[in-house]
Amino acid sequence: MGRAFEYRKARKLKRWGHMARTFTKLGKEIEIAVKAAGPDPSANTRLRILIQNAKAENMPKENVERAIKRATEKDAADYKEVVYEGYGPHGIAFLVETATDNTNRTVANVRMHFNKCGGTLGNSGSVAFMFEHKCTFKFHAPAGTDFEELELEMIDLGVDEFYPEEDGVTVYAPYESFGAIQKWLDERGYEIVSGESVYLPTDSKELDAEGRESVEKLVERLEEDDDVTNVYHNMKEPEEE
């Protein structure tokens, strides 16, 4: 299938191996969403989607409720979302999404991770042009759905990659289409399993096994950082071969 499908598959496999960190990071994203637009999912689109994402990751309901409650408390941490850019080993481009209540700490840690692994933290805009900012949704389609017709309808919304699978339909579109797609799915009664923002590389760089290992060490260090929510790079994954 297409590169986006393979990217999603590889990313999910990695996330399953880091469940505790995934719960922590989802909790931060939920807190940010609640602070931005309130604790009512019916009136807060982003929160509603994040709750669905949490369900898809098997995050316990009480964890979600605690994150929502924390965000409404007076002394709640004020998390900000910051994206860092840089180059890893062998010139591999990186985008690192973070949710932090202390940007000085976070930038120092991210810089350290790059330096320790033979990379360099860059300035804003230094590698972003190598990635496409996309939104992706997974949803359930009713039995008997005409997938060709559904794909044509969603192309009109901006969808440029459409993958019907046994456990649901996955679509990708420019990030600007997030709200329109979410609204369209809601209005037609499709059950949204997950929805999120992703950065997909416009071109991938192939490395040998040794080179991949050095890049994966940086990925692992970054993913283990409590402030990091997502790591994107343009190294060609083995699944793409």
C-alpha atoms as a PDB file:
ATOM      1  CA  MET A   1       0.000   0.000   0.000  1.00  0.00           C
ATOM      2  CA  GLY A   2       0.976   3.662   0.064  1.00  0.00           C
ATOM      3  CA  ARG A   3       3.723   5.276   2.070  1.00  0.00           C
ATOM      4  CA  ALA A   4       1.278   6.827   4.537  1.00  0.00           C
ATOM      5  CA  PHE A   5      -0.227   3.432   5.356  1.00  0.00           C
ATOM      6  CA  GLU A   6       3.217   1.973   5.983  1.00  0.00           C
ATOM      7  CA  TYR A   7       4.211   4.998   8.040  1.00  0.00           C
ATOM      8  CA  ARG A   8       1.092   4.690  10.190  1.00  0.00           C
ATOM      9  CA  LYS A   9       1.641   0.966  10.660  1.00  0.00           C
ATOM     10  CA  ALA A  10       5.275   1.402  11.734  1.00  0.00           C
ATOM     11  CA  ARG A  11       4.387   4.276  14.058  1.00  0.00           C
ATOM     12  CA  LYS A  12       1.599   2.356  15.788  1.00  0.00           C
ATOM     13  CA  LEU A  13       3.848  -0.647  16.354  1.00  0.00           C
ATOM     14  CA  LYS A  14       6.387   1.604  18.051  1.00  0.00           C
ATOM     15  CA  ARG A  15       3.718   3.245  20.193  1.00  0.00           C
ATOM     16  CA  TRP A  16       2.343  -0.094  21.388  1.00  0.00           C
ATOM     17  CA  GLY A  17       5.795  -0.806  22.790  1.00  0.00           C
ATOM     18  CA  HIS A  18       5.713   2.399  24.859  1.00  0.00           C
ATOM     19  CA  MET A  19       2.211   2.268  26.364  1.00  0.00           C
ATOM     20  CA  ALA A  20       2.994   4.017  29.657  1.00  0.00           C
ATOM     21  CA  ARG A  21       4.655   6.949  27.875  1.00  0.00           C
ATOM     22  CA  THR A  22       1.799   7.076  25.379  1.00  0.00           C
ATOM     23  CA  PHE A  23      -0.691   7.460  28.245  1.00  0.00           C
ATOM     24  CA  THR A  24       1.404  10.253  29.789  1.00  0.00           C
ATOM     25  CA  LYS A  25       1.639  12.112  26.496  1.00  0.00           C
ATOM     26  CA  LEU A  26      -2.058  11.701  25.715  1.00  0.00           C
ATOM     27  CA  GLY A  27      -2.793  13.053  29.191  1.00  0.00           C
ATOM     28  CA  LYS A  28      -0.813  16.205  28.424  1.00  0.00           C
ATOM     29  CA  GLU A  29      -2.591  16.673  25.104  1.00  0.00           C
ATOM     30  CA  ILE A  30      -5.952  16.280  26.852  1.00  0.00           C
ATOM     31  CA  GLU A  31      -4.965  18.908  29.433  1.00  0.00           C
ATOM     32  CA  ILE A  32      -3.956  21.321  26.659  1.00  0.00           C
ATOM     33  CA  ALA A  33      -7.275  20.742  24.855  1.00  0.00           C
ATOM     34  CA  VAL A  34      -9.320  21.307  28.035  1.00  0.00           C
ATOM     35  CA  LYS A  35      -7.469  24.534  28.857  1.00  0.00           C
ATOM     36  CA  ALA A  36      -8.038  25.779  25.300  1.00  0.00           C
ATOM     37  CA  ALA A  37     -11.750  25.031  24.915  1.00  0.00           C
ATOM     38  CA  GLY A  38     -13.198  23.593  28.127  1.00  0.00           C
ATOM     39  CA  PRO A  39     -13.900  20.141  29.612  1.00  0.00           C
ATOM     40  CA  ASP A  40     -17.109  19.343  27.684  1.00  0.00           C
ATOM     41  CA  PRO A  41     -16.305  16.949  24.783  1.00  0.00           C
ATOM     42  CA  SER A  42     -19.536  17.835  22.980  1.00  0.00           C
ATOM     43  CA  ALA A  43     -18.361  21.457  22.737  1.00  0.00           C
ATOM     44  CA  ASN A  44     -14.640  20.747  22.352  1.00  0.00           C
ATOM     45  CA  THR A  45     -13.824  18.984  19.100  1.00  0.00           C
ATOM     46  CA  ARG A  46     -10.170  18.410  19.894  1.00  0.00           C
ATOM     47  CA  LEU A  47     -10.966  16.931  23.309  1.00  0.00           C
ATOM     48  CA  ARG A  48     -13.569  14.625  21.782  1.00  0.00           C
ATOM     49  CA  ILE A  49     -11.046  13.327  19.251  1.00  0.00           C
ATOM     50  CA  LEU A  50      -8.358  12.887  21.926  1.00  0.00           C
ATOM     51  CA  ILE A  51     -10.758  10.836  24.047  1.00  0.00           C
ATOM     52  CA  GLN A  52     -11.315   8.594  21.019  1.00  0.00           C
ATOM     53  CA  ASN A  53      -7.536   8.361  20.513  1.00  0.00           C
ATOM     54  CA  ALA A  54      -7.174   7.362  24.167  1.00  0.00           C
ATOM     55  CA  LYS A  55      -9.749   4.602  23.702  1.00  0.00           C
ATOM     56  CA  ALA A  56      -7.912   3.374  20.601  1.00  0.00           C
ATOM     57  CA  GLU A  57      -4.720   3.140  22.689  1.00  0.00           C
ATOM     58  CA  ASN A  58      -6.579   1.279  25.492  1.00  0.00           C
ATOM     59  CA  MET A  59      -5.941   4.142  27.909  1.00  0.00           C
ATOM     60  CA  PRO A  60      -8.081   3.544  31.033  1.00  0.00           C
ATOM     61  CA  LYS A  61     -11.133   5.790  31.357  1.00  0.00           C
ATOM     62  CA  GLU A  62     -10.024   6.942  34.822  1.00  0.00           C
ATOM     63  CA  ASN A  63      -6.732   8.221  33.333  1.00  0.00           C
ATOM     64  CA  VAL A  64      -8.686  10.340  30.869  1.00  0.00           C
ATOM     65  CA  GLU A  65     -10.954  11.676  33.617  1.00  0.00           C
ATOM     66  CA  ARG A  66      -7.943  12.546  35.804  1.00  0.00           C
ATOM     67  CA  ALA A  67      -6.317  14.475  32.942  1.00  0.00           C
ATOM     68  CA  ILE A  68      -9.521  16.470  32.377  1.00  0.00           C
ATOM     69  CA  LYS A  69      -9.818  17.195  36.105  1.00  0.00           C
ATOM     70  CA  ARG A  70      -6.160  18.266  36.381  1.00  0.00           C
ATOM     71  CA  ALA A  71      -6.642  20.811  33.601  1.00  0.00           C
ATOM     72  CA  THR A  72      -9.481  22.505  35.491  1.00  0.00           C
ATOM     73  CA  GLU A  73      -7.549  22.892  38.753  1.00  0.00           C
ATOM     74  CA  LYS A  74      -6.086  26.263  39.731  1.00  0.00           C
ATOM     75  CA  ASP A  75      -2.504  25.043  39.987  1.00  0.00           C
ATOM     76  CA  ALA A  76      -2.605  23.001  36.764  1.00  0.00           C
ATOM     77  CA  ALA A  77       0.585  22.986  34.708  1.00  0.00           C
ATOM     78  CA  ASP A  78       0.494  25.357  31.753  1.00  0.00           C
ATOM     79  CA  TYR A  79       1.614  23.124  28.906  1.00  0.00           C
ATOM     80  CA  LYS A  80       2.641  24.614  25.570  1.00  0.00           C
ATOM     81  CA  GLU A  81       3.107  22.760  22.303  1.00  0.00           C
ATOM     82  CA  VAL A  82       6.482  23.454  20.682  1.00  0.00           C
ATOM     83  CA  VAL A  83       7.992  21.808  17.575  1.00  0.00           C
ATOM     84  CA  TYR A  84      11.780  21.503  17.328  1.00  0.00           C
ATOM     85  CA  GLU A  85      13.717  20.825  14.141  1.00  0.00           C
ATOM     86  CA  GLY A  86      17.127  19.360  13.547  1.00  0.00           C
ATOM     87  CA  TYR A  87      19.361  16.888  11.781  1.00  0.00           C
ATOM     88  CA  GLY A  88      20.219  13.462  13.141  1.00  0.00           C
ATOM     89  CA  PRO A  89      23.082  11.174  12.108  1.00  0.00           C
ATOM     90  CA  HIS A  90      23.738  10.892   8.342  1.00  0.00           C
ATOM     91  CA  GLY A  91      21.793  14.088   7.639  1.00  0.00           C
ATOM     92  CA  ILE A  92      18.403  12.642   8.556  1.00  0.00           C
ATOM     93  CA  ALA A  93      15.852  15.428   9.113  1.00  0.00           C
ATOM     94  CA  PHE A  94      13.855  15.423  12.363  1.00  0.00           C
ATOM     95  CA  LEU A  95      10.717  17.176  13.587  1.00  0.00           C
ATOM     96  CA  VAL A  96      10.111  16.765  17.322  1.00  0.00           C
ATOM     97  CA  GLU A  97       6.731  17.691  18.820  1.00  0.00           C
ATOM     98  CA  THR A  98       6.686  18.505  22.525  1.00  0.00           C
ATOM     99  CA  ALA A  99       4.190  19.473  25.219  1.00  0.00           C
ATOM    100  CA  THR A 100       6.029  21.317  27.956  1.00  0.00           C
ATOM    101  CA  ASP A 101       5.541  23.517  30.996  1.00  0.00           C
ATOM    102  CA  ASN A 102       9.206  24.600  30.877  1.00  0.00           C
ATOM    103  CA  THR A 103      10.584  25.411  27.435  1.00  0.00           C
ATOM    104  CA  ASN A 104      14.090  26.077  28.772  1.00  0.00           C
ATOM    105  CA  ARG A 105      14.272  22.549  30.177  1.00  0.00           C
ATOM    106  CA  THR A 106      12.779  20.993  27.061  1.00  0.00           C
ATOM    107  CA  VAL A 107      15.011  22.710  24.502  1.00  0.00           C
ATOM    108  CA  ALA A 108      18.088  21.886  26.600  1.00  0.00           C
ATOM    109  CA  ASN A 109      17.097  18.217  26.779  1.00  0.00           C
ATOM    110  CA  VAL A 110      16.224  17.973  23.070  1.00  0.00           C
ATOM    111  CA  ARG A 111      19.539  19.617  22.143  1.00  0.00           C
ATOM    112  CA  MET A 112      21.370  17.160  24.417  1.00  0.00           C
ATOM    113  CA  HIS A 113      19.673  14.178  22.748  1.00  0.00           C
ATOM    114  CA  PHE A 114      20.740  15.410  19.308  1.00  0.00           C
ATOM    115  CA  ASN A 115      24.304  16.117  20.428  1.00  0.00           C
ATOM    116  CA  LYS A 116      24.702  12.751  22.164  1.00  0.00           C
ATOM    117  CA  CYS A 117      23.699  10.939  18.977  1.00  0.00           C
ATOM    118  CA  GLY A 118      25.779  12.908  16.489  1.00  0.00           C
ATOM    119  CA  GLY A 119      23.052  15.283  15.399  1.00  0.00           C
ATOM    120  CA  THR A 120      22.379  19.007  15.705  1.00  0.00           C
ATOM    121  CA  LEU A 121      19.323  20.976  16.784  1.00  0.00           C
ATOM    122  CA  GLY A 122      18.383  23.472  14.067  1.00  0.00           C
ATOM    123  CA  ASN A 123      16.420  26.703  13.822  1.00  0.00           C
ATOM    124  CA  SER A 124      12.716  26.957  13.108  1.00  0.00           C
ATOM    125  CA  GLY A 125      12.143  26.264   9.407  1.00  0.00           C
ATOM    126  CA  SER A 126      15.430  24.423   8.904  1.00  0.00           C
ATOM    127  CA  VAL A 127      13.796  21.087   7.998  1.00  0.00           C
ATOM    128  CA  ALA A 128      10.021  21.693   8.119  1.00  0.00           C
ATOM    129  CA  PHE A 129       9.946  22.180   4.339  1.00  0.00           C
ATOM    130  CA  MET A 130      10.904  18.487   3.975  1.00  0.00           C
ATOM    131  CA  PHE A 131       7.622  17.367   5.567  1.00  0.00           C
ATOM    132  CA  GLU A 132       3.928  17.646   4.755  1.00  0.00           C
ATOM    133  CA  HIS A 133       1.656  18.546   7.661  1.00  0.00           C
ATOM    134  CA  LYS A 134      -1.257  16.131   7.403  1.00  0.00           C
ATOM    135  CA  CYS A 135      -4.285  15.082   9.387  1.00  0.00           C
ATOM    136  CA  THR A 136      -5.287  11.454   9.574  1.00  0.00           C
ATOM    137  CA  PHE A 137      -8.529   9.835  10.688  1.00  0.00           C
ATOM    138  CA  LYS A 138      -9.518   6.253  11.259  1.00  0.00           C
ATOM    139  CA  PHE A 139     -13.235   5.498  11.350  1.00  0.00           C
ATOM    140  CA  HIS A 140     -15.705   2.646  11.066  1.00  0.00           C
ATOM    141  CA  ALA A 141     -17.881   2.443   7.963  1.00  0.00           C
ATOM    142  CA  PRO A 142     -21.230   0.583   8.104  1.00  0.00           C
ATOM    143  CA  ALA A 143     -21.576  -2.818   6.437  1.00  0.00           C
ATOM    144  CA  GLY A 144     -22.423  -2.495   2.770  1.00  0.00           C
ATOM    145  CA  THR A 145     -20.589   0.813   2.334  1.00  0.00           C
ATOM    146  CA  ASP A 146     -19.628   1.566  -1.266  1.00  0.00           C
ATOM    147  CA  PHE A 147     -15.958   2.405  -0.694  1.00  0.00           C
ATOM    148  CA  GLU A 148     -15.433   3.797  -4.182  1.00  0.00           C
ATOM    149  CA  GLU A 149     -18.282   6.252  -3.664  1.00  0.00           C
ATOM    150  CA  LEU A 150     -17.063   7.069  -0.150  1.00  0.00           C
ATOM    151  CA  GLU A 151     -13.572   7.767  -1.458  1.00  0.00           C
ATOM    152  CA  LEU A 152     -14.892  10.125  -4.132  1.00  0.00           C
ATOM    153  CA  GLU A 153     -16.934  12.040  -1.554  1.00  0.00           C
ATOM    154  CA  MET A 154     -13.929  12.368   0.746  1.00  0.00           C
ATOM    155  CA  ILE A 155     -11.651  13.522  -2.066  1.00  0.00           C
ATOM    156  CA  ASP A 156     -13.957  16.544  -2.294  1.00  0.00           C
ATOM    157  CA  LEU A 157     -13.058  17.250   1.360  1.00  0.00           C
ATOM    158  CA  GLY A 158      -9.343  17.210   0.557  1.00  0.00           C
ATOM    159  CA  VAL A 159      -8.525  13.565   1.317  1.00  0.00           C
ATOM    160  CA  ASP A 160      -5.567  12.437  -0.776  1.00  0.00           C
ATOM    161  CA  GLU A 161      -4.910   8.963   0.669  1.00  0.00           C
ATOM    162  CA  PHE A 162      -7.728   6.494   1.398  1.00  0.00           C
ATOM    163  CA  TYR A 163      -7.212   3.000   2.829  1.00  0.00           C
ATOM    164  CA  PRO A 164     -10.173   0.693   3.588  1.00  0.00           C
ATOM    165  CA  GLU A 165      -9.047  -2.011   6.021  1.00  0.00           C
ATOM    166  CA  GLU A 166     -10.744  -4.830   7.899  1.00  0.00           C
ATOM    167  CA  ASP A 167     -10.912  -2.823  11.117  1.00  0.00           C
ATOM    168  CA  GLY A 168     -11.884   0.525   9.592  1.00  0.00           C
ATOM    169  CA  VAL A 169     -11.023   3.173   7.025  1.00  0.00           C
ATOM    170  CA  THR A 170      -7.885   5.307   7.327  1.00  0.00           C
ATOM    171  CA  VAL A 171      -7.600   8.600   5.440  1.00  0.00           C
ATOM    172  CA  TYR A 172      -4.954  11.327   5.114  1.00  0.00           C
ATOM    173  CA  ALA A 173      -5.449  14.935   4.041  1.00  0.00           C
ATOM    174  CA  PRO A 174      -3.752  18.322   4.391  1.00  0.00           C
ATOM    175  CA  TYR A 175      -3.928  19.413   8.039  1.00  0.00           C
ATOM    176  CA  GLU A 176      -6.141  22.373   7.098  1.00  0.00           C
ATOM    177  CA  SER A 177      -8.916  19.854   6.294  1.00  0.00           C
ATOM    178  CA  PHE A 178      -9.021  18.452   9.856  1.00  0.00           C
ATOM    179  CA  GLY A 179     -12.106  20.362  10.992  1.00  0.00           C
ATOM    180  CA  ALA A 180     -14.061  19.808   7.780  1.00  0.00           C
ATOM    181  CA  ILE A 181     -13.407  16.050   7.762  1.00  0.00           C
ATOM    182  CA  GLN A 182     -14.236  15.663  11.449  1.00  0.00           C
ATOM    183  CA  LYS A 183     -17.509  17.564  10.976  1.00  0.00           C
ATOM    184  CA  TRP A 184     -18.396  15.568   7.850  1.00  0.00           C
ATOM    185  CA  LEU A 185     -17.835  12.239   9.628  1.00  0.00           C
ATOM    186  CA  ASP A 186     -19.823  13.368  12.681  1.00  0.00           C
ATOM    187  CA  GLU A 187     -22.759  14.599  10.594  1.00  0.00           C
ATOM    188  CA  ARG A 188     -22.997  11.273   8.771  1.00  0.00           C
ATOM    189  CA  GLY A 189     -22.766   9.173  11.898  1.00  0.00           C
ATOM    190  CA  TYR A 190     -19.426   7.515  11.218  1.00  0.00           C
ATOM    191  CA  GLU A 191     -17.701   6.343  14.400  1.00  0.00           C
ATOM    192  CA  ILE A 192     -14.332   8.095  14.603  1.00  0.00           C
ATOM    193  CA  VAL A 193     -11.740   5.751  16.124  1.00  0.00           C
ATOM    194  CA  SER A 194      -8.899   8.275  16.085  1.00  0.00           C
ATOM    195  CA  GLY A 195      -7.846  11.546  14.527  1.00  0.00           C
ATOM    196  CA  GLU A 196      -4.531  13.334  14.735  1.00  0.00           C
ATOM    197  CA  SER A 197      -1.937  15.599  13.198  1.00  0.00           C
ATOM    198  CA  VAL A 198       1.121  14.002  11.581  1.00  0.00           C
ATOM    199  CA  TYR A 199       4.154  15.124   9.599  1.00  0.00           C
ATOM    200  CA  LEU A 200       5.035  12.935   6.615  1.00  0.00           C
ATOM    201  CA  PRO A 201       8.380  13.297   4.828  1.00  0.00           C
ATOM    202  CA  THR A 202       8.155  14.371   1.197  1.00  0.00           C
ATOM    203  CA  ASP A 203      11.164  12.192   0.412  1.00  0.00           C
ATOM    204  CA  SER A 204      12.875   9.415   2.368  1.00  0.00           C
ATOM    205  CA  LYS A 205      16.598   8.830   2.724  1.00  0.00           C
ATOM    206  CA  GLU A 206      17.800   5.232   2.639  1.00  0.00           C
ATOM    207  CA  LEU A 207      20.519   4.093   5.049  1.00  0.00           C
ATOM    208  CA  ASP A 208      22.288   0.795   5.616  1.00  0.00           C
ATOM    209  CA  ALA A 209      21.650  -1.240   8.776  1.00  0.00           C
ATOM    210  CA  GLU A 210      24.388   0.522  10.738  1.00  0.00           C
ATOM    211  CA  GLY A 211      23.097   3.933   9.720  1.00  0.00           C
ATOM    212  CA  ARG A 212      19.521   3.021  10.642  1.00  0.00           C
ATOM    213  CA  GLU A 213      20.679   1.853  14.041  1.00  0.00           C
ATOM    214  CA  SER A 214      22.366   5.182  14.799  1.00  0.00           C
ATOM    215  CA  VAL A 215      19.217   7.103  13.809  1.00  0.00           C
ATOM    216  CA  GLU A 216      16.995   4.767  15.836  1.00  0.00           C
ATOM    217  CA  LYS A 217      19.119   5.484  18.921  1.00  0.00           C
ATOM    218  CA  LEU A 218      18.241   9.164  18.594  1.00  0.00           C
ATOM    219  CA  VAL A 219      14.561   8.333  18.010  1.00  0.00           C
ATOM    220  CA  GLU A 220      14.552   6.180  21.142  1.00  0.00           C
ATOM    221  CA  ARG A 221      16.213   8.866  23.272  1.00  0.00           C
ATOM    222  CA  LEU A 222      13.723  11.471  22.115  1.00  0.00           C
ATOM    223  CA  GLU A 223      10.698   9.211  22.608  1.00  0.00           C
ATOM    224  CA  GLU A 224      11.827   8.452  26.165  1.00  0.00           C
ATOM    225  CA  ASP A 225      11.797  12.162  27.032  1.00  0.00           C
ATOM    226  CA  ASP A 226       8.672  12.987  29.044  1.00  0.00           C
ATOM    227  CA  ASP A 227       8.185  16.301  27.201  1.00  0.00           C
ATOM    228  CA  VAL A 228       8.264  14.750  23.710  1.00  0.00           C
ATOM    229  CA  THR A 229       4.909  13.741  22.219  1.00  0.00           C
ATOM    230  CA  ASN A 230       5.892  12.721  18.676  1.00  0.00           C
ATOM    231  CA  VAL A 231       9.067  12.195  16.659  1.00  0.00           C
ATOM    232  CA  TYR A 232       9.136  12.388  12.849  1.00  0.00           C
ATOM    233  CA  HIS A 233      12.073  11.844  10.504  1.00  0.00           C
ATOM    234  CA  ASN A 234      12.786  11.184   6.846  1.00  0.00           C
ATOM    235  CA  MET A 235      14.798   7.968   7.156  1.00  0.00           C
ATOM    236  CA  LYS A 236      13.389   5.279   4.904  1.00  0.00           C
ATOM    237  CA  GLU A 237      11.745   2.650   7.098  1.00  0.00           C
ATOM    238  CA  PRO A 238      12.392  -1.072   6.410  1.00  0.00           C
ATOM    239  CA  GLU A 239       8.634  -1.533   5.837  1.00  0.00           C
ATOM    240  CA  GLU A 240       8.841   0.752   2.778  1.00  0.00           C
ATOM    241  CA  GLU A 241      11.280  -1.528   0.975  1.00  0.00           C
END
